[in-house]
Amino acid sequence: MQQTDALLDRFLAGLAPASPLAVWAHGSLAAGDYVEGRSDLDLIAVLPQPPGPGAVWRVAVLHNRLRAEPLAGGLHCTYLSPDTADDAGRRHLTWAHELLLRRPVTPVTRAELHRSGRVLHGAPPADVLPPVPDGELAAFVLRDQRAYWRPYVDRADLWTRDVWVDLGMLTHARAAVTLREGRLISKREALDVLPGLGAPEEVVEDIRARRHGGPVTADAGWPLRRAALVRGYLGPAIDALVAGS
């Protein structure tokens, strides 16, 4: 964790002139399944007011200065303010994938912050973010499976890529647990849940090996076979989850 801690220290030092009210980690770093060099660093920074053009420029400069640092490519941060934090549909300034964009802080992220958010600086999430009603969380998760992931299952070109396999399978397992049990689980926990949901064992072990260490198949034909297994599983699994919710 030395490189992770060093990057976070540099980020917080660079952000200090903006007088952030809080900086939080969510995702793997907060959930306890962070793997240095593999996991992203998902952050939320709360600024005193919505960033105007000058503040946007300073955020861009900060992240660009960090580009050469180890792990900086995986550092993502969304910038909120107390005046905008309670609007779940609002798109906030975000640095992700090495560029500036705007995106909302989803009900899943908000719920994660309340339940397991890691405070890196300042106030805790409960002091800034309103709680997420169970119904809002379930509705978002269901909509995400139905409207986002299900159409992409039909895109055969995507599923030879590790990132799509990992996120598609793990997000489905996490969604299933949230909808059926009303709780959030980590990506590591999702790996343990997938076999019980009927996921192909070969695919689960492939994800586990790549994310947490272990022998990874070198078979040149595996990505195509894996893609067929994933699509054959995920399509019916999402349909059944949606129909039963």
C-alpha atoms as a PDB file:
ATOM      1  CA  MET A   1       0.000   0.000   0.000  1.00  0.00           C
ATOM      2  CA  GLN A   2       3.009   2.338  -0.020  1.00  0.00           C
ATOM      3  CA  GLN A   3       2.322   3.631  -3.540  1.00  0.00           C
ATOM      4  CA  THR A   4      -1.380   4.044  -2.765  1.00  0.00           C
ATOM      5  CA  ASP A   5      -0.721   5.988   0.432  1.00  0.00           C
ATOM      6  CA  ALA A   6       1.862   8.157  -1.326  1.00  0.00           C
ATOM      7  CA  LEU A   7      -0.543   8.989  -4.152  1.00  0.00           C
ATOM      8  CA  LEU A   8      -3.351   9.835  -1.734  1.00  0.00           C
ATOM      9  CA  ASP A   9      -1.012  12.068   0.269  1.00  0.00           C
ATOM     10  CA  ARG A  10       0.012  13.936  -2.882  1.00  0.00           C
ATOM     11  CA  PHE A  11      -3.586  14.270  -4.003  1.00  0.00           C
ATOM     12  CA  LEU A  12      -4.726  15.647  -0.633  1.00  0.00           C
ATOM     13  CA  ALA A  13      -1.799  18.060  -0.513  1.00  0.00           C
ATOM     14  CA  GLY A  14      -2.592  19.288  -4.013  1.00  0.00           C
ATOM     15  CA  LEU A  15      -6.257  19.718  -3.170  1.00  0.00           C
ATOM     16  CA  ALA A  16      -5.615  21.577   0.099  1.00  0.00           C
ATOM     17  CA  PRO A  17      -5.638  25.094  -1.484  1.00  0.00           C
ATOM     18  CA  ALA A  18      -9.272  24.446  -2.487  1.00  0.00           C
ATOM     19  CA  SER A  19     -10.159  24.043   1.231  1.00  0.00           C
ATOM     20  CA  PRO A  20     -12.134  20.803   0.828  1.00  0.00           C
ATOM     21  CA  LEU A  21     -14.703  20.163   3.531  1.00  0.00           C
ATOM     22  CA  ALA A  22     -14.279  16.409   3.145  1.00  0.00           C
ATOM     23  CA  VAL A  23     -12.593  13.748   1.040  1.00  0.00           C
ATOM     24  CA  TRP A  24     -13.917  10.179   1.096  1.00  0.00           C
ATOM     25  CA  ALA A  25     -12.949   6.871  -0.479  1.00  0.00           C
ATOM     26  CA  HIS A  26     -15.557   4.400  -1.662  1.00  0.00           C
ATOM     27  CA  GLY A  27     -15.386   1.240  -3.759  1.00  0.00           C
ATOM     28  CA  SER A  28     -12.638  -1.304  -3.136  1.00  0.00           C
ATOM     29  CA  LEU A  29     -10.481   0.893  -0.921  1.00  0.00           C
ATOM     30  CA  ALA A  30     -13.360   1.412   1.510  1.00  0.00           C
ATOM     31  CA  ALA A  31     -14.808  -2.099   1.227  1.00  0.00           C
ATOM     32  CA  GLY A  32     -11.578  -3.839   2.177  1.00  0.00           C
ATOM     33  CA  ASP A  33     -10.907  -5.679  -1.095  1.00  0.00           C
ATOM     34  CA  TYR A  34      -8.508  -3.170  -2.617  1.00  0.00           C
ATOM     35  CA  VAL A  35      -5.541  -4.675  -4.484  1.00  0.00           C
ATOM     36  CA  GLU A  36      -2.730  -2.222  -5.174  1.00  0.00           C
ATOM     37  CA  GLY A  37      -2.016  -1.993  -8.880  1.00  0.00           C
ATOM     38  CA  ARG A  38      -5.300  -3.634  -9.870  1.00  0.00           C
ATOM     39  CA  SER A  39      -8.069  -1.710  -8.105  1.00  0.00           C
ATOM     40  CA  ASP A  40      -9.129   1.836  -8.886  1.00  0.00           C
ATOM     41  CA  LEU A  41      -9.022   4.588  -6.283  1.00  0.00           C
ATOM     42  CA  ASP A  42     -12.578   5.948  -6.148  1.00  0.00           C
ATOM     43  CA  LEU A  43     -12.833   9.256  -4.290  1.00  0.00           C
ATOM     44  CA  ILE A  44     -15.368  11.979  -3.518  1.00  0.00           C
ATOM     45  CA  ALA A  45     -14.234  15.497  -2.604  1.00  0.00           C
ATOM     46  CA  VAL A  46     -16.634  18.020  -1.080  1.00  0.00           C
ATOM     47  CA  LEU A  47     -15.727  21.618  -1.954  1.00  0.00           C
ATOM     48  CA  PRO A  48     -17.197  24.669  -0.190  1.00  0.00           C
ATOM     49  CA  GLN A  49     -19.159  25.657  -3.311  1.00  0.00           C
ATOM     50  CA  PRO A  50     -19.871  24.282  -6.791  1.00  0.00           C
ATOM     51  CA  PRO A  51     -16.689  24.596  -8.880  1.00  0.00           C
ATOM     52  CA  GLY A  52     -16.722  27.531 -11.283  1.00  0.00           C
ATOM     53  CA  PRO A  53     -14.419  27.836 -14.308  1.00  0.00           C
ATOM     54  CA  GLY A  54     -11.380  28.704 -12.186  1.00  0.00           C
ATOM     55  CA  ALA A  55     -11.904  25.774  -9.856  1.00  0.00           C
ATOM     56  CA  VAL A  56     -12.450  23.420 -12.798  1.00  0.00           C
ATOM     57  CA  TRP A  57      -9.129  24.568 -14.247  1.00  0.00           C
ATOM     58  CA  ARG A  58      -7.362  23.997 -10.919  1.00  0.00           C
ATOM     59  CA  VAL A  59      -8.828  20.478 -10.648  1.00  0.00           C
ATOM     60  CA  ALA A  60      -7.575  19.676 -14.139  1.00  0.00           C
ATOM     61  CA  VAL A  61      -4.110  21.035 -13.289  1.00  0.00           C
ATOM     62  CA  LEU A  62      -3.988  18.977 -10.087  1.00  0.00           C
ATOM     63  CA  HIS A  63      -4.812  15.712 -11.817  1.00  0.00           C
ATOM     64  CA  ASN A  64      -2.538  16.389 -14.754  1.00  0.00           C
ATOM     65  CA  ARG A  65       0.345  17.020 -12.358  1.00  0.00           C
ATOM     66  CA  LEU A  66      -0.304  13.611 -10.817  1.00  0.00           C
ATOM     67  CA  ARG A  67      -0.318  11.747 -14.151  1.00  0.00           C
ATOM     68  CA  ALA A  68       3.254  10.516 -13.818  1.00  0.00           C
ATOM     69  CA  GLU A  69       2.727   9.146 -10.310  1.00  0.00           C
ATOM     70  CA  PRO A  70       2.353   5.367  -9.886  1.00  0.00           C
ATOM     71  CA  LEU A  71      -1.333   4.308  -9.861  1.00  0.00           C
ATOM     72  CA  ALA A  72      -2.561   7.789 -10.893  1.00  0.00           C
ATOM     73  CA  GLY A  73      -4.332   6.376 -13.951  1.00  0.00           C
ATOM     74  CA  GLY A  74      -6.780   4.629 -11.629  1.00  0.00           C
ATOM     75  CA  LEU A  75      -7.511   7.634  -9.401  1.00  0.00           C
ATOM     76  CA  HIS A  76     -11.059   8.878  -9.985  1.00  0.00           C
ATOM     77  CA  CYS A  77     -12.599  11.759  -8.049  1.00  0.00           C
ATOM     78  CA  THR A  78     -16.019  13.416  -8.134  1.00  0.00           C
ATOM     79  CA  TYR A  79     -16.382  16.927  -6.753  1.00  0.00           C
ATOM     80  CA  LEU A  80     -19.513  17.821  -4.757  1.00  0.00           C
ATOM     81  CA  SER A  81     -20.533  20.818  -2.679  1.00  0.00           C
ATOM     82  CA  PRO A  82     -23.024  20.985   0.222  1.00  0.00           C
ATOM     83  CA  ASP A  83     -25.443  22.880  -2.051  1.00  0.00           C
ATOM     84  CA  THR A  84     -25.480  20.095  -4.665  1.00  0.00           C
ATOM     85  CA  ALA A  85     -24.902  16.933  -2.629  1.00  0.00           C
ATOM     86  CA  ASP A  86     -28.552  16.067  -2.018  1.00  0.00           C
ATOM     87  CA  ASP A  87     -29.487  15.904  -5.738  1.00  0.00           C
ATOM     88  CA  ALA A  88     -28.963  12.262  -6.741  1.00  0.00           C
ATOM     89  CA  GLY A  89     -29.603  13.043 -10.392  1.00  0.00           C
ATOM     90  CA  ARG A  90     -27.178  15.942 -10.704  1.00  0.00           C
ATOM     91  CA  ARG A  91     -24.029  15.456 -12.764  1.00  0.00           C
ATOM     92  CA  HIS A  92     -20.934  16.587 -10.889  1.00  0.00           C
ATOM     93  CA  LEU A  93     -17.473  17.508 -12.054  1.00  0.00           C
ATOM     94  CA  THR A  94     -15.442  14.293 -12.155  1.00  0.00           C
ATOM     95  CA  TRP A  95     -11.920  13.285 -13.066  1.00  0.00           C
ATOM     96  CA  ALA A  96     -12.008   9.707 -14.368  1.00  0.00           C
ATOM     97  CA  HIS A  97     -10.090   7.736 -16.991  1.00  0.00           C
ATOM     98  CA  GLU A  98      -7.628  10.624 -17.171  1.00  0.00           C
ATOM     99  CA  LEU A  99     -10.119  13.223 -18.347  1.00  0.00           C
ATOM    100  CA  LEU A 100     -12.714  15.643 -16.979  1.00  0.00           C
ATOM    101  CA  LEU A 101     -16.381  14.768 -17.325  1.00  0.00           C
ATOM    102  CA  ARG A 102     -19.631  15.119 -15.408  1.00  0.00           C
ATOM    103  CA  ARG A 103     -21.540  12.248 -13.857  1.00  0.00           C
ATOM    104  CA  PRO A 104     -23.906  11.644 -10.944  1.00  0.00           C
ATOM    105  CA  VAL A 105     -23.073  10.084  -7.614  1.00  0.00           C
ATOM    106  CA  THR A 106     -25.364   7.070  -7.880  1.00  0.00           C
ATOM    107  CA  PRO A 107     -27.570   5.701  -5.105  1.00  0.00           C
ATOM    108  CA  VAL A 108     -25.206   2.712  -4.877  1.00  0.00           C
ATOM    109  CA  THR A 109     -22.208   4.970  -4.282  1.00  0.00           C
ATOM    110  CA  ARG A 110     -24.159   7.075  -1.803  1.00  0.00           C
ATOM    111  CA  ALA A 111     -25.275   4.002   0.121  1.00  0.00           C
ATOM    112  CA  GLU A 112     -21.706   2.652   0.115  1.00  0.00           C
ATOM    113  CA  LEU A 113     -20.429   5.932   1.503  1.00  0.00           C
ATOM    114  CA  HIS A 114     -22.944   5.825   4.369  1.00  0.00           C
ATOM    115  CA  ARG A 115     -22.202   2.200   5.212  1.00  0.00           C
ATOM    116  CA  SER A 116     -18.474   1.859   4.615  1.00  0.00           C
ATOM    117  CA  GLY A 117     -17.059   5.143   3.299  1.00  0.00           C
ATOM    118  CA  ARG A 118     -13.486   5.830   4.369  1.00  0.00           C
ATOM    119  CA  VAL A 119     -12.887   9.384   5.555  1.00  0.00           C
ATOM    120  CA  LEU A 120      -9.567  10.692   4.246  1.00  0.00           C
ATOM    121  CA  HIS A 121     -10.206  14.263   5.334  1.00  0.00           C
ATOM    122  CA  GLY A 122     -12.846  16.317   7.098  1.00  0.00           C
ATOM    123  CA  ALA A 123     -16.489  15.513   7.754  1.00  0.00           C
ATOM    124  CA  PRO A 124     -18.027  12.019   7.444  1.00  0.00           C
ATOM    125  CA  PRO A 125     -20.525  11.265   4.641  1.00  0.00           C
ATOM    126  CA  ALA A 126     -23.489  11.342   7.034  1.00  0.00           C
ATOM    127  CA  ASP A 127     -22.842  15.045   7.658  1.00  0.00           C
ATOM    128  CA  VAL A 128     -23.195  15.923   3.975  1.00  0.00           C
ATOM    129  CA  LEU A 129     -25.199  13.285   2.120  1.00  0.00           C
ATOM    130  CA  PRO A 130     -28.820  12.429   2.898  1.00  0.00           C
ATOM    131  CA  PRO A 131     -29.492   8.718   3.504  1.00  0.00           C
ATOM    132  CA  VAL A 132     -30.594   6.578   0.550  1.00  0.00           C
ATOM    133  CA  PRO A 133     -34.058   5.028   0.972  1.00  0.00           C
ATOM    134  CA  ASP A 134     -34.122   1.272   0.361  1.00  0.00           C
ATOM    135  CA  GLY A 135     -36.672   1.727  -2.409  1.00  0.00           C
ATOM    136  CA  GLU A 136     -34.465   4.222  -4.254  1.00  0.00           C
ATOM    137  CA  LEU A 137     -31.461   1.916  -4.031  1.00  0.00           C
ATOM    138  CA  ALA A 138     -33.420  -1.101  -5.291  1.00  0.00           C
ATOM    139  CA  ALA A 139     -34.987   0.879  -8.146  1.00  0.00           C
ATOM    140  CA  PHE A 140     -31.585   2.118  -9.300  1.00  0.00           C
ATOM    141  CA  VAL A 141     -29.996  -1.341  -9.177  1.00  0.00           C
ATOM    142  CA  LEU A 142     -32.895  -2.869 -11.099  1.00  0.00           C
ATOM    143  CA  ARG A 143     -32.832  -0.128 -13.727  1.00  0.00           C
ATOM    144  CA  ASP A 144     -29.066  -0.482 -14.119  1.00  0.00           C
ATOM    145  CA  GLN A 145     -29.379  -4.219 -14.785  1.00  0.00           C
ATOM    146  CA  ARG A 146     -32.317  -3.839 -17.158  1.00  0.00           C
ATOM    147  CA  ALA A 147     -31.475  -0.678 -19.063  1.00  0.00           C
ATOM    148  CA  TYR A 148     -27.671  -0.622 -19.004  1.00  0.00           C
ATOM    149  CA  TRP A 149     -26.239  -4.120 -18.684  1.00  0.00           C
ATOM    150  CA  ARG A 150     -28.879  -6.197 -20.483  1.00  0.00           C
ATOM    151  CA  PRO A 151     -28.540  -4.402 -23.856  1.00  0.00           C
ATOM    152  CA  TYR A 152     -24.774  -4.686 -23.695  1.00  0.00           C
ATOM    153  CA  VAL A 153     -24.960  -8.475 -23.298  1.00  0.00           C
ATOM    154  CA  ASP A 154     -25.937  -8.549 -26.983  1.00  0.00           C
ATOM    155  CA  ARG A 155     -22.704  -6.744 -27.959  1.00  0.00           C
ATOM    156  CA  ALA A 156     -20.463  -9.743 -28.619  1.00  0.00           C
ATOM    157  CA  ASP A 157     -17.445  -7.542 -29.375  1.00  0.00           C
ATOM    158  CA  LEU A 158     -17.245  -6.300 -25.786  1.00  0.00           C
ATOM    159  CA  TRP A 159     -17.051  -9.544 -23.893  1.00  0.00           C
ATOM    160  CA  THR A 160     -13.560 -10.670 -24.897  1.00  0.00           C
ATOM    161  CA  ARG A 161     -12.271  -7.818 -22.702  1.00  0.00           C
ATOM    162  CA  ASP A 162     -11.375  -8.506 -19.072  1.00  0.00           C
ATOM    163  CA  VAL A 163     -12.942  -5.269 -17.823  1.00  0.00           C
ATOM    164  CA  TRP A 164     -16.359  -6.107 -19.272  1.00  0.00           C
ATOM    165  CA  VAL A 165     -16.276  -9.669 -17.969  1.00  0.00           C
ATOM    166  CA  ASP A 166     -15.283  -8.561 -14.475  1.00  0.00           C
ATOM    167  CA  LEU A 167     -17.690  -5.641 -14.139  1.00  0.00           C
ATOM    168  CA  GLY A 168     -20.590  -7.387 -15.835  1.00  0.00           C
ATOM    169  CA  MET A 169     -20.403 -10.501 -13.687  1.00  0.00           C
ATOM    170  CA  LEU A 170     -19.567  -8.811 -10.392  1.00  0.00           C
ATOM    171  CA  THR A 171     -22.157  -6.057 -10.822  1.00  0.00           C
ATOM    172  CA  HIS A 172     -24.826  -8.671 -11.500  1.00  0.00           C
ATOM    173  CA  ALA A 173     -23.968 -10.614  -8.343  1.00  0.00           C
ATOM    174  CA  ARG A 174     -23.969  -7.437  -6.264  1.00  0.00           C
ATOM    175  CA  ALA A 175     -27.305  -6.385  -7.761  1.00  0.00           C
ATOM    176  CA  ALA A 176     -28.860  -9.763  -7.028  1.00  0.00           C
ATOM    177  CA  VAL A 177     -27.876  -9.578  -3.357  1.00  0.00           C
ATOM    178  CA  THR A 178     -29.103  -5.989  -3.034  1.00  0.00           C
ATOM    179  CA  LEU A 179     -32.470  -6.773  -4.599  1.00  0.00           C
ATOM    180  CA  ARG A 180     -33.037 -10.011  -2.698  1.00  0.00           C
ATOM    181  CA  GLU A 181     -31.518  -9.150   0.684  1.00  0.00           C
ATOM    182  CA  GLY A 182     -31.412  -5.347   0.753  1.00  0.00           C
ATOM    183  CA  ARG A 183     -27.683  -5.133   1.461  1.00  0.00           C
ATOM    184  CA  LEU A 184     -24.530  -4.111  -0.373  1.00  0.00           C
ATOM    185  CA  ILE A 185     -21.590  -6.442  -0.878  1.00  0.00           C
ATOM    186  CA  SER A 186     -18.042  -5.898  -2.106  1.00  0.00           C
ATOM    187  CA  LYS A 187     -16.611  -7.194  -5.375  1.00  0.00           C
ATOM    188  CA  ARG A 188     -14.662  -9.849  -3.481  1.00  0.00           C
ATOM    189  CA  GLU A 189     -17.856 -11.025  -1.796  1.00  0.00           C
ATOM    190  CA  ALA A 190     -19.575 -11.041  -5.190  1.00  0.00           C
ATOM    191  CA  LEU A 191     -17.053 -13.613  -6.410  1.00  0.00           C
ATOM    192  CA  ASP A 192     -18.188 -15.958  -3.653  1.00  0.00           C
ATOM    193  CA  VAL A 193     -21.848 -15.319  -4.490  1.00  0.00           C
ATOM    194  CA  LEU A 194     -21.591 -15.990  -8.235  1.00  0.00           C
ATOM    195  CA  PRO A 195     -21.368 -19.827  -8.089  1.00  0.00           C
ATOM    196  CA  GLY A 196     -24.602 -19.944  -6.090  1.00  0.00           C
ATOM    197  CA  LEU A 197     -26.266 -17.854  -8.782  1.00  0.00           C
ATOM    198  CA  GLY A 198     -25.360 -20.449 -11.409  1.00  0.00           C
ATOM    199  CA  ALA A 199     -22.412 -18.599 -12.959  1.00  0.00           C
ATOM    200  CA  PRO A 200     -19.938 -20.670 -14.994  1.00  0.00           C
ATOM    201  CA  GLU A 201     -17.228 -21.914 -12.642  1.00  0.00           C
ATOM    202  CA  GLU A 202     -14.457 -21.393 -15.216  1.00  0.00           C
ATOM    203  CA  VAL A 203     -15.370 -17.743 -15.551  1.00  0.00           C
ATOM    204  CA  VAL A 204     -15.545 -17.174 -11.797  1.00  0.00           C
ATOM    205  CA  GLU A 205     -12.102 -18.715 -11.296  1.00  0.00           C
ATOM    206  CA  ASP A 206     -10.704 -16.663 -14.169  1.00  0.00           C
ATOM    207  CA  ILE A 207     -11.921 -13.443 -12.549  1.00  0.00           C
ATOM    208  CA  ARG A 208     -10.618 -14.510  -9.149  1.00  0.00           C
ATOM    209  CA  ALA A 209      -7.166 -15.357 -10.503  1.00  0.00           C
ATOM    210  CA  ARG A 210      -6.765 -12.097 -12.409  1.00  0.00           C
ATOM    211  CA  ARG A 211      -8.032  -9.875  -9.596  1.00  0.00           C
ATOM    212  CA  HIS A 212      -6.569 -11.626  -6.576  1.00  0.00           C
ATOM    213  CA  GLY A 213      -3.635 -13.653  -7.835  1.00  0.00           C
ATOM    214  CA  GLY A 214      -3.419 -17.190  -9.142  1.00  0.00           C
ATOM    215  CA  PRO A 215      -2.733 -19.122 -12.349  1.00  0.00           C
ATOM    216  CA  VAL A 216      -4.273 -17.416 -15.384  1.00  0.00           C
ATOM    217  CA  THR A 217      -4.968 -19.445 -18.505  1.00  0.00           C
ATOM    218  CA  ALA A 218      -2.718 -18.744 -21.478  1.00  0.00           C
ATOM    219  CA  ASP A 219      -5.025 -20.526 -23.941  1.00  0.00           C
ATOM    220  CA  ALA A 220      -5.386 -18.250 -26.974  1.00  0.00           C
ATOM    221  CA  GLY A 221      -8.934 -19.426 -27.536  1.00  0.00           C
ATOM    222  CA  TRP A 222     -10.078 -18.735 -23.969  1.00  0.00           C
ATOM    223  CA  PRO A 223     -11.251 -15.110 -24.438  1.00  0.00           C
ATOM    224  CA  LEU A 224     -13.754 -16.159 -27.111  1.00  0.00           C
ATOM    225  CA  ARG A 225     -14.958 -19.190 -25.133  1.00  0.00           C
ATOM    226  CA  ARG A 226     -15.209 -17.055 -22.017  1.00  0.00           C
ATOM    227  CA  ALA A 227     -17.223 -14.422 -23.867  1.00  0.00           C
ATOM    228  CA  ALA A 228     -19.718 -17.060 -25.003  1.00  0.00           C
ATOM    229  CA  LEU A 229     -20.009 -18.418 -21.453  1.00  0.00           C
ATOM    230  CA  VAL A 230     -20.527 -14.963 -19.956  1.00  0.00           C
ATOM    231  CA  ARG A 231     -23.146 -13.887 -22.499  1.00  0.00           C
ATOM    232  CA  GLY A 232     -24.936 -17.212 -22.251  1.00  0.00           C
ATOM    233  CA  TYR A 233     -25.154 -16.786 -18.494  1.00  0.00           C
ATOM    234  CA  LEU A 234     -25.716 -13.057 -18.023  1.00  0.00           C
ATOM    235  CA  GLY A 235     -28.573 -12.569 -20.477  1.00  0.00           C
ATOM    236  CA  PRO A 236     -30.940 -15.126 -18.889  1.00  0.00           C
ATOM    237  CA  ALA A 237     -29.698 -14.263 -15.375  1.00  0.00           C
ATOM    238  CA  ILE A 238     -30.512 -10.563 -15.771  1.00  0.00           C
ATOM    239  CA  ASP A 239     -33.880 -11.379 -17.359  1.00  0.00           C
ATOM    240  CA  ALA A 240     -34.758 -13.634 -14.415  1.00  0.00           C
ATOM    241  CA  LEU A 241     -33.615 -11.073 -11.865  1.00  0.00           C
ATOM    242  CA  VAL A 242     -35.674  -8.318 -13.484  1.00  0.00           C
ATOM    243  CA  ALA A 243     -38.738 -10.544 -13.839  1.00  0.00           C
ATOM    244  CA  GLY A 244     -38.559 -11.551 -10.190  1.00  0.00           C
ATOM    245  CA  SER A 245     -38.126  -8.058  -8.776  1.00  0.00           C
END
